[in-house]
Amino acid sequence: MTERSGPLKGLKVLDLTRVLAGPTCTQMLGDLGAEVIKVERPQAGDDTRGFAPPFWPGTQESAYFLGVNRNKLSVTLDIATPEGQAVVHRLLEHCDILVENFKVGALAKYGLGWEQLKAKHPRLIYCSITGFGQTGPYAPRPGYDALIQAMGGVMSLTGEPGGSPQKVGVPVADLFAGLYGCIGILAAVNHRNSTGEGQQVDIGMLDTHVAWLANQGMNFLATKENPPRLGNQHPNISPYQEFPTKDGYIILAVGNDPTFERFCKSFGCEHLLEDARFQTNASRVQNRDLVTQTLTPVMQGRTTAEWVEALEAKKIGCGPINTLKEVFADPHVQARGMLMTLPHASGATVEVIANPVKLSATPADYPVPPPVLGQHNEQVLKGLLGLSDAEVAAAQGNPAKQAAE
């Protein structure tokens, strides 16, 4: 196996996930030092290998797949066959954690469900990530990011006032489910270290989506009124939104009354402090349209760069609305090492977004680039398990049959 460093060094993960939520979880574990064996369908692989264009230049790999599959060893098995299932059982003898995102009950057909494995592997931590969790009336349904954003309420909060509901521009329902899965696994690892007992971690995407409704969810619980869509405005703070500038847009984030007072005194708006509608955050929230109308011509008087320089000098929260080109060129993003270049089995190099967790003693590392399909069959199936060529071939089975699952 691959020599690893990091705080999770020594943990071994069997990854039966695909697409985004599950692979996000297992990549986080891999970045932090766990050894991850990713099981993929022969010939087809993870669905996201086909989520293209774009392909990464010089490779046959989709950019989507490369983004969430580093630090994993790719092994191809047909788990719909007895031979493939037998290999999974042999791999579990070497693994601490199994992560899967099959439909509820699907793995039980192959003898790989939690109830079937827990007696044989009492220390196993078995993380299941599904759209709606293992219980409840929606449990059998498939889960997709957009429908979870819709059902979880976030789309009702996102978009312009009077406009149509909007989903977030990145698949946050998948990403949060993956990260909550990682948190649950780490909690289960700590419990097992104390007791020797494994357990199932049951992650439902809808559960995690409801959990991060945060202040908007609490606003509803306090008032029993559905919060309206506010565009880029904040439901509880004003001004905390985008404003047009002379050459673009800027986010102005005034988090409290002393900051608003400092803004007004610094930029020719001191007269507003005598107006009861502007004096407190509560009054500004109640009069948010007036605040926007009043400050818009002020903000249009300077360029975005001029505002950023002036506001930062007064320690007032602000920032440009960057394109992704500007994000990756940002000197702070670069200084924080958020862009990594890794070698690839194709002979090309690929750029990936780095792990954001900064650990002083045991930092994330990246010894395993995103693999090509089945790249580590020999290393894992022959090297770790000692399978013969015939056994490896038998475990490849019929990929068309498994793809239908």
Protein backbone atom coordinates (compact mmCIF):
# COMPACT_ATOMS: atom_id res chain seq x y z
CA MET A 1 0.00 0.00 0.00
CA THR A 2 0.99 3.64 -0.36
CA GLU A 3 3.10 5.16 2.40
CA ARG A 4 1.06 7.92 4.03
CA SER A 5 1.46 10.69 6.54
CA GLY A 6 -1.23 12.78 8.18
CA PRO A 7 -3.43 12.43 11.26
CA LEU A 8 -5.41 9.49 9.84
CA LYS A 9 -2.34 7.47 8.92
CA GLY A 10 -3.01 3.79 9.55
CA LEU A 11 -6.73 3.92 8.77
CA LYS A 12 -7.83 2.00 5.68
CA VAL A 13 -11.01 2.84 3.80
CA LEU A 14 -12.96 0.73 1.33
CA ASP A 15 -14.66 3.23 -0.95
CA LEU A 16 -17.81 1.96 -2.69
CA THR A 17 -18.97 5.45 -3.64
CA ARG A 18 -19.36 7.34 -6.86
CA VAL A 19 -20.41 10.75 -8.23
CA LEU A 20 -19.89 13.51 -5.59
CA ALA A 21 -21.21 13.15 -2.03
CA GLY A 22 -19.43 9.87 -1.27
CA PRO A 23 -16.20 10.69 -3.12
CA THR A 24 -16.04 14.05 -1.30
CA CYS A 25 -16.12 12.16 1.99
CA THR A 26 -13.47 9.63 1.03
CA GLN A 27 -11.17 12.20 -0.57
CA MET A 28 -11.19 14.17 2.68
CA LEU A 29 -10.21 11.00 4.57
CA GLY A 30 -7.50 10.31 2.00
CA ASP A 31 -6.11 13.85 2.14
CA LEU A 32 -5.76 13.48 5.90
CA GLY A 33 -3.73 10.31 5.63
CA ALA A 34 -6.11 7.37 5.34
CA GLU A 35 -5.42 4.75 2.68
CA VAL A 36 -8.45 4.65 0.38
CA ILE A 37 -9.24 1.78 -2.00
CA LYS A 38 -11.84 2.93 -4.51
CA VAL A 39 -13.85 0.09 -6.05
CA GLU A 40 -15.17 0.89 -9.54
CA ARG A 41 -17.17 -0.95 -12.16
CA PRO A 42 -14.96 -2.67 -14.73
CA GLN A 43 -14.72 -0.78 -18.03
CA ALA A 44 -17.17 1.93 -16.86
CA GLY A 45 -15.85 3.18 -13.53
CA ASP A 46 -17.28 5.99 -11.45
CA ASP A 47 -20.13 7.74 -13.31
CA THR A 48 -18.25 11.03 -13.18
CA ARG A 49 -15.51 9.71 -15.45
CA GLY A 50 -18.09 10.40 -18.16
CA PHE A 51 -19.26 13.79 -16.84
CA ALA A 52 -17.53 15.74 -19.61
CA PRO A 53 -16.58 17.88 -21.35
CA PRO A 54 -14.38 19.33 -20.14
CA PHE A 55 -11.73 16.63 -20.12
CA TRP A 56 -8.40 17.54 -18.58
CA PRO A 57 -5.98 18.50 -21.39
CA GLY A 58 -3.76 15.60 -22.41
CA THR A 59 -5.88 12.98 -20.63
CA GLN A 60 -9.11 11.04 -21.08
CA GLU A 61 -10.26 12.05 -17.60
CA SER A 62 -13.14 14.42 -16.85
CA ALA A 63 -12.34 17.49 -14.79
CA TYR A 64 -15.28 16.50 -12.55
CA PHE A 65 -13.72 13.12 -11.66
CA LEU A 66 -10.28 14.61 -11.04
CA GLY A 67 -11.73 17.04 -8.50
CA VAL A 68 -12.83 14.48 -5.90
CA ASN A 69 -10.75 11.35 -6.43
CA ARG A 70 -7.14 12.03 -5.48
CA ASN A 71 -5.47 9.96 -2.76
CA LYS A 72 -7.36 6.85 -3.84
CA LEU A 73 -6.28 3.54 -5.34
CA SER A 74 -8.60 2.49 -8.18
CA VAL A 75 -9.57 -1.19 -8.25
CA THR A 76 -12.13 -2.66 -10.65
CA LEU A 77 -14.54 -5.30 -9.33
CA ASP A 78 -18.00 -6.48 -10.33
CA ILE A 79 -19.69 -6.76 -6.95
CA ALA A 80 -22.76 -8.27 -8.65
CA THR A 81 -20.79 -11.52 -8.99
CA PRO A 82 -19.92 -13.96 -6.19
CA GLU A 83 -16.25 -13.59 -7.13
CA GLY A 84 -16.38 -9.82 -6.82
CA GLN A 85 -18.22 -10.05 -3.52
CA ALA A 86 -15.64 -12.46 -2.18
CA VAL A 87 -12.88 -9.98 -3.00
CA VAL A 88 -14.76 -7.21 -1.17
CA HIS A 89 -14.94 -9.45 1.92
CA ARG A 90 -11.20 -10.06 1.67
CA LEU A 91 -10.56 -6.34 1.36
CA LEU A 92 -12.67 -5.70 4.47
CA GLU A 93 -10.26 -7.86 6.46
CA HIS A 94 -7.73 -5.08 5.85
CA CYS A 95 -10.05 -2.07 6.20
CA ASP A 96 -11.41 -0.05 9.11
CA ILE A 97 -14.08 1.91 7.26
CA LEU A 98 -16.51 1.21 4.41
CA VAL A 99 -18.20 4.15 2.69
CA GLU A 100 -21.05 3.60 0.24
CA ASN A 101 -23.76 5.62 -1.46
CA PHE A 102 -25.90 2.94 -3.06
CA LYS A 103 -29.69 3.13 -2.83
CA VAL A 104 -31.06 1.89 0.47
CA GLY A 105 -30.92 -1.91 0.54
CA ALA A 106 -28.98 -2.28 -2.73
CA LEU A 107 -25.80 -3.66 -1.18
CA ALA A 108 -27.77 -6.19 0.86
CA LYS A 109 -28.51 -8.01 -2.42
CA TYR A 110 -24.78 -8.73 -2.63
CA GLY A 111 -24.32 -9.69 1.00
CA LEU A 112 -22.62 -6.36 1.69
CA GLY A 113 -25.23 -4.55 3.76
CA TRP A 114 -24.49 -3.28 7.26
CA GLU A 115 -26.65 -5.90 8.96
CA GLN A 116 -24.83 -8.65 7.06
CA LEU A 117 -21.33 -7.38 7.78
CA LYS A 118 -21.42 -6.13 11.36
CA ALA A 119 -21.26 -9.57 13.02
CA LYS A 120 -18.28 -10.67 10.92
CA HIS A 121 -16.55 -7.28 11.20
CA PRO A 122 -17.53 -5.89 14.63
CA ARG A 123 -14.95 -3.09 14.44
CA LEU A 124 -16.10 -1.92 11.01
CA ILE A 125 -17.32 1.65 10.60
CA TYR A 126 -19.91 1.55 7.83
CA CYS A 127 -20.92 4.94 6.42
CA SER A 128 -23.99 5.08 4.18
CA ILE A 129 -24.68 8.32 2.29
CA THR A 130 -28.06 8.45 0.57
CA GLY A 131 -30.58 11.05 -0.50
CA PHE A 132 -32.95 10.53 2.42
CA GLY A 133 -31.24 8.24 4.95
CA GLN A 134 -31.88 4.64 5.89
CA THR A 135 -35.30 5.23 7.50
CA GLY A 136 -38.41 7.30 6.89
CA PRO A 137 -40.99 7.36 4.10
CA TYR A 138 -38.58 8.74 1.48
CA ALA A 139 -35.75 6.30 2.19
CA PRO A 140 -36.15 4.29 -1.06
CA ARG A 141 -35.99 7.39 -3.26
CA PRO A 142 -32.84 8.33 -5.18
CA GLY A 143 -31.21 11.59 -4.13
CA TYR A 144 -29.93 14.30 -6.46
CA ASP A 145 -28.39 17.61 -5.51
CA ALA A 146 -30.94 19.87 -7.21
CA LEU A 147 -33.97 18.09 -5.80
CA ILE A 148 -32.45 18.11 -2.30
CA GLN A 149 -31.80 21.85 -2.61
CA ALA A 150 -35.46 22.19 -3.61
CA MET A 151 -36.91 19.94 -0.91
CA GLY A 152 -34.57 21.25 1.79
CA GLY A 153 -35.75 24.84 1.43
CA VAL A 154 -32.57 26.51 0.21
CA MET A 155 -33.99 27.19 -3.25
CA SER A 156 -36.93 29.03 -1.68
CA LEU A 157 -34.40 31.39 -0.05
CA THR A 158 -32.15 31.89 -3.07
CA GLY A 159 -32.86 34.33 -5.88
CA GLU A 160 -34.05 37.87 -6.37
CA PRO A 161 -37.17 39.20 -4.60
CA GLY A 162 -40.14 38.42 -6.79
CA GLY A 163 -38.02 36.16 -8.99
CA SER A 164 -38.01 32.39 -9.36
CA PRO A 165 -36.32 30.10 -6.82
CA GLN A 166 -32.68 29.38 -7.62
CA LYS A 167 -30.29 26.61 -6.68
CA VAL A 168 -26.80 27.41 -5.48
CA GLY A 169 -24.26 27.44 -8.31
CA VAL A 170 -22.25 24.52 -6.91
CA PRO A 171 -23.73 21.20 -5.67
CA VAL A 172 -23.83 22.10 -1.99
CA ALA A 173 -26.25 19.32 -1.03
CA ASP A 174 -23.77 16.70 -2.22
CA LEU A 175 -20.78 18.46 -0.70
CA PHE A 176 -22.33 18.96 2.73
CA ALA A 177 -23.48 15.33 2.84
CA GLY A 178 -19.92 14.22 2.10
CA LEU A 179 -18.42 16.47 4.76
CA TYR A 180 -21.00 15.45 7.39
CA GLY A 181 -20.21 11.84 6.48
CA CYS A 182 -16.55 12.49 7.19
CA ILE A 183 -17.41 14.08 10.54
CA GLY A 184 -19.58 11.10 11.47
CA ILE A 185 -16.83 8.66 10.52
CA LEU A 186 -14.25 10.47 12.63
CA ALA A 187 -16.64 10.45 15.59
CA ALA A 188 -17.16 6.71 15.09
CA VAL A 189 -13.40 6.15 14.90
CA ASN A 190 -12.96 7.87 18.26
CA HIS A 191 -15.73 5.73 19.77
CA ARG A 192 -14.15 2.58 18.38
CA ASN A 193 -10.78 3.57 19.77
CA SER A 194 -12.38 3.70 23.21
CA THR A 195 -14.65 0.66 23.02
CA GLY A 196 -13.59 -1.50 20.08
CA GLU A 197 -17.12 -1.18 18.69
CA GLY A 198 -17.87 -0.28 15.10
CA GLN A 199 -21.16 1.23 13.96
CA GLN A 200 -23.14 2.50 10.99
CA VAL A 201 -23.03 6.19 10.10
CA ASP A 202 -26.34 7.04 8.40
CA ILE A 203 -26.15 10.25 6.35
CA GLY A 204 -29.21 11.54 4.50
CA MET A 205 -28.66 14.45 2.12
CA LEU A 206 -32.00 15.99 3.07
CA ASP A 207 -31.07 15.79 6.78
CA THR A 208 -27.79 17.58 6.19
CA HIS A 209 -29.48 20.19 4.03
CA VAL A 210 -32.03 20.96 6.75
CA ALA A 211 -29.21 21.09 9.31
CA TRP A 212 -27.45 23.95 7.53
CA LEU A 213 -30.50 26.17 7.11
CA ALA A 214 -28.77 27.93 10.02
CA ASN A 215 -30.04 31.44 10.79
CA GLN A 216 -32.76 31.24 8.14
CA GLY A 217 -34.11 28.04 9.66
CA MET A 218 -34.08 29.65 13.09
CA ASN A 219 -35.76 32.79 11.73
CA PHE A 220 -38.61 30.58 10.55
CA LEU A 221 -38.83 28.66 13.83
CA ALA A 222 -38.97 31.93 15.77
CA THR A 223 -41.67 33.53 13.61
CA LYS A 224 -43.32 30.62 11.78
CA GLU A 225 -43.14 32.83 8.67
CA ASN A 226 -41.37 31.72 5.50
CA PRO A 227 -38.35 33.98 4.93
CA PRO A 228 -38.55 35.83 1.61
CA ARG A 229 -35.94 35.72 -1.12
CA LEU A 230 -33.65 38.71 -0.66
CA GLY A 231 -31.20 38.34 -3.51
CA ASN A 232 -27.77 39.17 -2.09
CA GLN A 233 -29.08 40.90 1.01
CA HIS A 234 -28.79 39.44 4.51
CA PRO A 235 -32.00 38.62 6.41
CA ASN A 236 -30.68 39.89 9.76
CA ILE A 237 -28.02 42.52 8.95
CA SER A 238 -28.09 45.72 6.86
CA PRO A 239 -26.20 46.84 4.88
CA TYR A 240 -24.73 43.42 4.09
CA GLN A 241 -25.08 42.96 0.34
CA GLU A 242 -23.74 43.77 -3.12
CA PHE A 243 -23.66 47.32 -4.42
CA PRO A 244 -22.84 48.61 -7.89
CA THR A 245 -19.61 50.58 -8.16
CA LYS A 246 -18.30 52.81 -10.91
CA ASP A 247 -16.94 49.78 -12.79
CA GLY A 248 -18.58 46.68 -11.34
CA TYR A 249 -19.89 45.38 -8.03
CA ILE A 250 -18.68 45.00 -4.47
CA ILE A 251 -19.88 43.28 -1.33
CA LEU A 252 -20.29 45.66 1.59
CA ALA A 253 -20.56 43.85 4.93
CA VAL A 254 -21.44 46.15 7.83
CA GLY A 255 -21.76 43.78 10.75
CA ASN A 256 -22.73 46.13 13.60
CA ASP A 257 -23.70 49.69 14.53
CA PRO A 258 -20.18 50.99 15.33
CA THR A 259 -19.06 49.86 11.87
CA PHE A 260 -21.99 51.62 10.23
CA GLU A 261 -21.15 54.77 12.16
CA ARG A 262 -17.54 54.52 10.98
CA PHE A 263 -18.70 54.05 7.39
CA CYS A 264 -20.97 57.09 7.51
CA LYS A 265 -18.38 59.36 9.09
CA SER A 266 -15.69 58.24 6.64
CA PHE A 267 -17.64 58.52 3.40
CA GLY A 268 -19.83 61.59 3.63
CA CYS A 269 -22.95 59.99 5.09
CA GLU A 270 -22.77 61.34 8.65
CA HIS A 271 -26.23 62.86 8.28
CA LEU A 272 -27.74 59.37 8.21
CA LEU A 273 -26.77 58.87 11.84
CA GLU A 274 -29.39 61.47 12.79
CA ASP A 275 -32.15 59.49 11.04
CA ALA A 276 -33.87 56.94 13.28
CA ARG A 277 -34.31 54.62 10.29
CA PHE A 278 -30.52 54.21 10.06
CA GLN A 279 -29.41 54.37 13.68
CA THR A 280 -29.57 50.70 14.63
CA ASN A 281 -29.18 47.46 12.74
CA ALA A 282 -32.77 46.52 13.60
CA SER A 283 -34.08 49.76 12.10
CA ARG A 284 -31.90 49.33 9.02
CA VAL A 285 -33.20 45.78 8.50
CA GLN A 286 -36.76 47.08 8.76
CA ASN A 287 -35.92 49.75 6.18
CA ARG A 288 -33.59 47.72 3.99
CA ASP A 289 -34.97 49.11 0.72
CA LEU A 290 -34.32 52.67 1.91
CA VAL A 291 -30.79 51.72 2.99
CA THR A 292 -30.10 50.23 -0.45
CA GLN A 293 -31.54 53.21 -2.31
CA THR A 294 -29.60 55.67 -0.15
CA LEU A 295 -26.22 53.97 -0.34
CA THR A 296 -26.32 52.93 -4.01
CA PRO A 297 -25.34 56.35 -5.43
CA VAL A 298 -22.63 56.64 -2.79
CA MET A 299 -21.12 53.31 -3.79
CA GLN A 300 -21.33 54.18 -7.49
CA GLY A 301 -18.97 57.09 -6.90
CA ARG A 302 -15.80 54.95 -6.83
CA THR A 303 -14.41 51.92 -8.63
CA THR A 304 -14.41 48.53 -6.95
CA ALA A 305 -10.64 48.70 -6.37
CA GLU A 306 -10.92 52.18 -4.87
CA TRP A 307 -13.66 51.03 -2.52
CA VAL A 308 -11.74 47.95 -1.42
CA GLU A 309 -8.70 50.07 -0.58
CA ALA A 310 -10.74 52.73 1.23
CA LEU A 311 -12.95 50.33 3.18
CA GLU A 312 -10.10 48.08 4.23
CA ALA A 313 -8.28 51.13 5.56
CA LYS A 314 -11.27 51.75 7.83
CA LYS A 315 -11.55 48.05 8.77
CA ILE A 316 -14.97 47.73 7.15
CA GLY A 317 -15.82 44.36 5.60
CA CYS A 318 -15.81 44.33 1.83
CA GLY A 319 -14.68 42.34 -1.17
CA PRO A 320 -14.87 42.17 -4.94
CA ILE A 321 -17.18 39.68 -6.64
CA ASN A 322 -14.54 37.57 -8.35
CA THR A 323 -14.84 35.34 -11.37
CA LEU A 324 -13.17 31.95 -11.00
CA LYS A 325 -10.26 33.25 -13.08
CA GLU A 326 -9.82 36.00 -10.51
CA VAL A 327 -10.23 33.57 -7.60
CA PHE A 328 -7.36 31.35 -8.71
CA ALA A 329 -5.18 34.38 -9.53
CA ASP A 330 -5.83 35.95 -6.12
CA PRO A 331 -2.54 36.35 -4.23
CA HIS A 332 -4.09 35.24 -0.95
CA VAL A 333 -5.59 32.09 -2.47
CA GLN A 334 -2.17 31.35 -3.96
CA ALA A 335 -0.35 32.09 -0.72
CA ARG A 336 -2.62 29.66 1.10
CA GLY A 337 -1.68 26.90 -1.33
CA MET A 338 -5.21 26.27 -2.54
CA LEU A 339 -4.09 25.15 -5.99
CA MET A 340 -2.07 21.95 -6.37
CA THR A 341 -0.36 20.47 -9.42
CA LEU A 342 -0.10 16.67 -9.44
CA PRO A 343 1.40 14.16 -11.87
CA HIS A 344 -1.04 11.88 -13.68
CA ALA A 345 -0.71 8.36 -15.03
CA SER A 346 -1.29 9.74 -18.54
CA GLY A 347 2.02 11.57 -18.33
CA ALA A 348 0.28 14.94 -18.06
CA THR A 349 0.02 17.05 -14.93
CA VAL A 350 -3.33 18.04 -13.47
CA GLU A 351 -4.30 20.96 -11.27
CA VAL A 352 -6.63 20.30 -8.35
CA ILE A 353 -8.11 22.37 -5.56
CA ALA A 354 -6.23 21.64 -2.35
CA ASN A 355 -7.65 20.54 0.98
CA PRO A 356 -8.50 23.64 3.05
CA VAL A 357 -7.76 22.05 6.45
CA LYS A 358 -4.44 23.43 7.69
CA LEU A 359 -2.84 21.25 10.38
CA SER A 360 0.44 22.43 11.87
CA ALA A 361 1.83 19.02 12.87
CA THR A 362 0.16 16.63 10.42
CA PRO A 363 -0.78 18.52 7.25
CA ALA A 364 -2.73 17.04 4.37
CA ASP A 365 -0.59 15.42 1.70
CA TYR A 366 -1.16 14.33 -1.88
CA PRO A 367 0.93 11.26 -2.74
CA VAL A 368 -1.72 9.63 -4.96
CA PRO A 369 -2.98 11.62 -7.98
CA PRO A 370 -6.53 10.92 -9.24
CA PRO A 371 -6.19 7.41 -10.70
CA VAL A 372 -7.06 6.05 -14.10
CA LEU A 373 -9.61 3.25 -14.03
CA GLY A 374 -8.20 0.08 -12.47
CA GLN A 375 -4.73 1.61 -12.12
CA HIS A 376 -4.05 -0.20 -8.86
CA ASN A 377 -5.51 -3.64 -9.60
CA GLU A 378 -2.10 -5.26 -9.51
CA GLN A 379 -1.00 -3.42 -6.35
CA VAL A 380 -4.15 -4.18 -4.39
CA LEU A 381 -5.62 -7.40 -5.80
CA LYS A 382 -2.34 -9.19 -6.35
CA GLY A 383 0.00 -7.39 -3.96
CA LEU A 384 -2.28 -6.95 -0.93
CA LEU A 385 -4.64 -9.90 -1.39
CA GLY A 386 -2.40 -12.28 -3.33
CA LEU A 387 -5.01 -13.10 -5.97
CA SER A 388 -4.05 -15.06 -9.05
CA ASP A 389 -4.60 -13.79 -12.59
CA ALA A 390 -7.60 -16.09 -12.90
CA GLU A 391 -9.13 -14.80 -9.65
CA VAL A 392 -8.63 -11.20 -10.73
CA ALA A 393 -10.26 -11.92 -14.07
CA ALA A 394 -13.23 -13.65 -12.43
CA ALA A 395 -13.78 -10.68 -10.10
CA GLN A 396 -14.20 -8.38 -13.12
CA GLY A 397 -17.50 -10.14 -13.96
CA ASN A 398 -20.09 -8.51 -16.17
CA PRO A 399 -19.88 -4.70 -15.99
CA ALA A 400 -23.12 -4.21 -17.91
CA LYS A 401 -25.08 -6.03 -15.22
CA GLN A 402 -23.64 -3.95 -12.39
CA ALA A 403 -24.09 -0.69 -14.31
CA ALA A 404 -27.84 -1.30 -14.24
CA GLU A 405 -27.90 -1.28 -10.42
